[in-house]
Amino acid sequence: MLQNGENERIRELLNDKTTFREGDRQMDKKVNFTLRIGLAGCCQEEEFTLGELGYDPEYDTDLENFLEEQWREWSGNYIDGGFRLEGQND
């Protein structure tokens, strides 16, 4: 027979397991990042899970902002460019 409070503790543990499973499913959600430069056939695309991107729903409360930050970092790996003024010697 269960002592006082043990039923409540078992419920808490079961709820934690359910939350953990739901969290795992959320971390397995796939996200596609794409980058195009306006030329036909010039497209970079990669697929990630939220877990691979390091998403933590307790810390990253705004998923859209999190993904935007991650996309900017990712896209920076594929962009190379700059500018040069004519007649200027470095």
N, C-alpha and C. Protein backbone atom coordinates (compact mmCIF):
# COMPACT_ATOMS: atom_id res chain seq x y z
N MET A 1 0.84 -1.17 0.00
CA MET A 1 0.00 0.00 0.00
C MET A 1 0.89 1.25 0.00
N LEU A 2 0.47 2.25 -0.76
CA LEU A 2 1.27 3.47 -0.89
C LEU A 2 1.05 4.39 0.29
N GLN A 3 2.12 5.04 0.72
CA GLN A 3 2.08 5.99 1.81
C GLN A 3 1.53 7.33 1.30
N ASN A 4 1.13 8.20 2.21
CA ASN A 4 0.66 9.53 1.84
C ASN A 4 1.72 10.25 1.03
N GLY A 5 1.32 10.86 -0.04
CA GLY A 5 2.24 11.63 -0.87
C GLY A 5 2.91 10.82 -1.97
N GLU A 6 2.94 9.48 -1.85
CA GLU A 6 3.59 8.67 -2.87
C GLU A 6 2.80 8.67 -4.18
N ASN A 7 1.46 8.68 -4.09
CA ASN A 7 0.65 8.76 -5.30
C ASN A 7 0.97 10.04 -6.08
N GLU A 8 1.08 11.13 -5.35
CA GLU A 8 1.38 12.42 -5.99
C GLU A 8 2.75 12.38 -6.65
N ARG A 9 3.73 11.78 -5.97
CA ARG A 9 5.09 11.69 -6.54
C ARG A 9 5.09 10.83 -7.80
N ILE A 10 4.34 9.73 -7.80
CA ILE A 10 4.25 8.87 -9.00
C ILE A 10 3.63 9.65 -10.15
N ARG A 11 2.56 10.41 -9.85
CA ARG A 11 1.95 11.24 -10.90
C ARG A 11 2.95 12.23 -11.47
N GLU A 12 3.74 12.86 -10.60
CA GLU A 12 4.75 13.81 -11.05
C GLU A 12 5.76 13.14 -11.98
N LEU A 13 6.22 11.95 -11.58
CA LEU A 13 7.20 11.24 -12.41
C LEU A 13 6.61 10.87 -13.77
N LEU A 14 5.35 10.41 -13.78
CA LEU A 14 4.71 10.07 -15.05
C LEU A 14 4.55 11.31 -15.92
N ASN A 15 4.18 12.43 -15.31
CA ASN A 15 4.06 13.67 -16.07
C ASN A 15 5.41 14.09 -16.63
N ASP A 16 6.48 13.93 -15.85
CA ASP A 16 7.81 14.26 -16.34
C ASP A 16 8.17 13.40 -17.54
N LYS A 17 7.84 12.09 -17.49
CA LYS A 17 8.13 11.21 -18.63
C LYS A 17 7.37 11.66 -19.86
N THR A 18 6.09 12.00 -19.68
CA THR A 18 5.29 12.46 -20.81
C THR A 18 5.89 13.74 -21.40
N THR A 19 6.25 14.66 -20.53
CA THR A 19 6.87 15.90 -20.99
C THR A 19 8.17 15.61 -21.72
N PHE A 20 8.96 14.68 -21.18
CA PHE A 20 10.22 14.32 -21.81
C PHE A 20 9.98 13.76 -23.20
N ARG A 21 9.01 12.86 -23.33
CA ARG A 21 8.72 12.29 -24.65
C ARG A 21 8.26 13.36 -25.63
N GLU A 22 7.39 14.26 -25.16
CA GLU A 22 6.93 15.34 -26.03
C GLU A 22 8.09 16.23 -26.42
N GLY A 23 8.99 16.50 -25.47
CA GLY A 23 10.18 17.29 -25.76
C GLY A 23 11.06 16.62 -26.79
N ASP A 24 11.21 15.29 -26.68
CA ASP A 24 12.01 14.55 -27.66
C ASP A 24 11.40 14.69 -29.05
N ARG A 25 10.09 14.55 -29.13
CA ARG A 25 9.43 14.69 -30.44
C ARG A 25 9.65 16.08 -31.00
N GLN A 26 9.57 17.08 -30.14
CA GLN A 26 9.78 18.45 -30.60
C GLN A 26 11.21 18.62 -31.11
N MET A 27 12.17 18.00 -30.42
CA MET A 27 13.57 18.13 -30.81
C MET A 27 13.84 17.41 -32.13
N ASP A 28 12.97 16.46 -32.50
CA ASP A 28 13.13 15.73 -33.76
C ASP A 28 12.46 16.44 -34.94
N LYS A 29 11.75 17.54 -34.68
CA LYS A 29 11.12 18.27 -35.78
C LYS A 29 12.19 18.76 -36.74
N LYS A 30 11.91 18.62 -38.02
CA LYS A 30 12.90 18.99 -39.04
C LYS A 30 12.70 20.43 -39.50
N VAL A 31 13.82 21.06 -39.78
CA VAL A 31 13.84 22.44 -40.25
C VAL A 31 14.72 22.47 -41.50
N ASN A 32 14.24 23.11 -42.55
CA ASN A 32 15.04 23.26 -43.77
C ASN A 32 15.52 24.69 -43.88
N PHE A 33 16.82 24.85 -44.04
CA PHE A 33 17.42 26.16 -44.29
C PHE A 33 17.76 26.23 -45.78
N THR A 34 17.41 27.35 -46.42
CA THR A 34 17.75 27.55 -47.83
C THR A 34 18.39 28.91 -48.02
N LEU A 35 19.20 29.00 -49.05
CA LEU A 35 19.86 30.25 -49.40
C LEU A 35 19.96 30.30 -50.92
N ARG A 36 19.42 31.37 -51.50
CA ARG A 36 19.47 31.57 -52.95
C ARG A 36 20.08 32.93 -53.23
N ILE A 37 20.79 33.03 -54.36
CA ILE A 37 21.40 34.31 -54.71
C ILE A 37 20.78 34.92 -55.97
N GLY A 38 19.70 34.34 -56.45
CA GLY A 38 18.99 34.92 -57.58
C GLY A 38 19.40 34.38 -58.94
N LEU A 39 20.30 33.43 -58.98
CA LEU A 39 20.70 32.80 -60.24
C LEU A 39 20.12 31.40 -60.30
N ALA A 40 19.69 31.00 -61.50
CA ALA A 40 19.10 29.68 -61.65
C ALA A 40 20.07 28.59 -61.20
N GLY A 41 19.58 27.70 -60.39
CA GLY A 41 20.38 26.57 -59.93
C GLY A 41 21.32 26.89 -58.77
N CYS A 42 21.36 28.13 -58.35
CA CYS A 42 22.24 28.51 -57.23
C CYS A 42 21.44 28.52 -55.93
N CYS A 43 21.36 27.36 -55.32
CA CYS A 43 20.60 27.22 -54.08
C CYS A 43 21.34 26.28 -53.15
N GLN A 44 21.51 26.71 -51.94
CA GLN A 44 22.09 25.86 -50.90
C GLN A 44 20.96 25.50 -49.95
N GLU A 45 20.82 24.22 -49.65
CA GLU A 45 19.75 23.79 -48.75
C GLU A 45 20.28 22.69 -47.85
N GLU A 46 19.92 22.77 -46.57
CA GLU A 46 20.28 21.73 -45.60
C GLU A 46 19.11 21.52 -44.66
N GLU A 47 19.01 20.29 -44.17
CA GLU A 47 17.95 19.94 -43.23
C GLU A 47 18.58 19.64 -41.87
N PHE A 48 17.95 20.15 -40.83
CA PHE A 48 18.39 19.94 -39.46
C PHE A 48 17.19 19.57 -38.61
N THR A 49 17.45 19.00 -37.45
CA THR A 49 16.40 18.86 -36.44
C THR A 49 16.62 20.00 -35.45
N LEU A 50 15.58 20.31 -34.69
CA LEU A 50 15.73 21.35 -33.67
C LEU A 50 16.82 20.95 -32.68
N GLY A 51 16.92 19.67 -32.38
CA GLY A 51 17.95 19.19 -31.48
C GLY A 51 19.35 19.42 -32.02
N GLU A 52 19.54 19.18 -33.32
CA GLU A 52 20.85 19.40 -33.93
C GLU A 52 21.24 20.88 -33.89
N LEU A 53 20.26 21.74 -33.92
CA LEU A 53 20.53 23.18 -33.87
C LEU A 53 20.76 23.67 -32.45
N GLY A 54 20.51 22.80 -31.46
CA GLY A 54 20.73 23.18 -30.08
C GLY A 54 19.55 23.89 -29.43
N TYR A 55 18.37 23.68 -29.99
CA TYR A 55 17.17 24.33 -29.46
C TYR A 55 16.85 23.82 -28.06
N ASP A 56 16.60 24.73 -27.13
CA ASP A 56 16.20 24.40 -25.76
C ASP A 56 14.94 25.20 -25.46
N PRO A 57 13.77 24.56 -25.48
CA PRO A 57 12.51 25.29 -25.30
C PRO A 57 12.41 26.03 -23.97
N GLU A 58 13.16 25.59 -22.97
CA GLU A 58 13.12 26.30 -21.68
C GLU A 58 13.91 27.60 -21.75
N TYR A 59 14.94 27.64 -22.58
CA TYR A 59 15.78 28.84 -22.72
C TYR A 59 15.36 29.67 -23.92
N ASP A 60 15.12 29.01 -25.05
CA ASP A 60 14.75 29.69 -26.31
C ASP A 60 13.24 29.76 -26.39
N THR A 61 12.66 30.78 -25.78
CA THR A 61 11.21 30.87 -25.68
C THR A 61 10.54 31.30 -26.98
N ASP A 62 11.27 31.92 -27.89
CA ASP A 62 10.71 32.35 -29.17
C ASP A 62 11.37 31.55 -30.28
N LEU A 63 10.67 30.51 -30.75
CA LEU A 63 11.22 29.60 -31.75
C LEU A 63 11.58 30.33 -33.04
N GLU A 64 10.75 31.25 -33.47
CA GLU A 64 11.02 31.97 -34.72
C GLU A 64 12.32 32.78 -34.62
N ASN A 65 12.53 33.48 -33.51
CA ASN A 65 13.78 34.23 -33.34
C ASN A 65 14.98 33.29 -33.28
N PHE A 66 14.82 32.16 -32.59
CA PHE A 66 15.90 31.17 -32.51
C PHE A 66 16.29 30.70 -33.90
N LEU A 67 15.28 30.33 -34.71
CA LEU A 67 15.57 29.83 -36.06
C LEU A 67 16.18 30.91 -36.94
N GLU A 68 15.75 32.13 -36.80
CA GLU A 68 16.33 33.23 -37.58
C GLU A 68 17.81 33.41 -37.24
N GLU A 69 18.14 33.37 -35.95
CA GLU A 69 19.55 33.48 -35.54
C GLU A 69 20.37 32.32 -36.11
N GLN A 70 19.81 31.11 -36.02
CA GLN A 70 20.52 29.94 -36.52
C GLN A 70 20.70 30.01 -38.04
N TRP A 71 19.67 30.49 -38.77
CA TRP A 71 19.76 30.62 -40.21
C TRP A 71 20.84 31.65 -40.60
N ARG A 72 20.87 32.77 -39.89
CA ARG A 72 21.89 33.80 -40.19
C ARG A 72 23.29 33.24 -40.01
N GLU A 73 23.49 32.50 -38.93
CA GLU A 73 24.81 31.90 -38.69
C GLU A 73 25.14 30.88 -39.79
N TRP A 74 24.18 30.03 -40.13
CA TRP A 74 24.37 29.02 -41.17
C TRP A 74 24.63 29.66 -42.52
N SER A 75 23.83 30.66 -42.89
CA SER A 75 23.98 31.28 -44.22
C SER A 75 25.30 32.01 -44.35
N GLY A 76 25.82 32.52 -43.24
CA GLY A 76 27.12 33.19 -43.27
C GLY A 76 28.24 32.28 -43.72
N ASN A 77 28.06 30.97 -43.56
CA ASN A 77 29.06 30.02 -44.03
C ASN A 77 29.09 29.89 -45.55
N TYR A 78 28.06 30.37 -46.23
CA TYR A 78 27.95 30.21 -47.68
C TYR A 78 28.04 31.52 -48.43
N ILE A 79 28.19 32.61 -47.73
CA ILE A 79 28.25 33.92 -48.37
C ILE A 79 29.67 34.45 -48.27
N ASP A 80 30.20 34.83 -49.41
CA ASP A 80 31.53 35.42 -49.45
C ASP A 80 31.45 36.61 -50.39
N GLY A 81 31.82 37.75 -49.92
CA GLY A 81 31.74 38.92 -50.78
C GLY A 81 32.34 40.13 -50.08
N GLY A 82 32.27 41.22 -50.75
CA GLY A 82 32.80 42.45 -50.19
C GLY A 82 32.72 43.55 -51.23
N PHE A 83 33.53 44.56 -51.08
CA PHE A 83 33.54 45.66 -52.04
C PHE A 83 34.97 46.20 -52.15
N ARG A 84 35.21 46.92 -53.24
CA ARG A 84 36.51 47.54 -53.47
C ARG A 84 36.27 48.83 -54.23
N LEU A 85 36.85 49.91 -53.76
CA LEU A 85 36.75 51.20 -54.47
C LEU A 85 37.85 51.26 -55.52
N GLU A 86 37.46 51.65 -56.73
CA GLU A 86 38.47 51.77 -57.79
C GLU A 86 39.49 52.85 -57.44
N GLY A 87 40.74 52.55 -57.74
CA GLY A 87 41.79 53.50 -57.51
C GLY A 87 42.33 53.49 -56.09
N GLN A 88 41.78 52.70 -55.24
CA GLN A 88 42.25 52.61 -53.85
C GLN A 88 43.21 51.44 -53.73
N ASN A 89 44.41 51.71 -53.24
CA ASN A 89 45.37 50.65 -53.01
C ASN A 89 45.42 50.33 -51.52
N ASP A 90 45.46 49.06 -51.23
CA ASP A 90 45.55 48.67 -49.83
C ASP A 90 47.00 48.44 -49.44
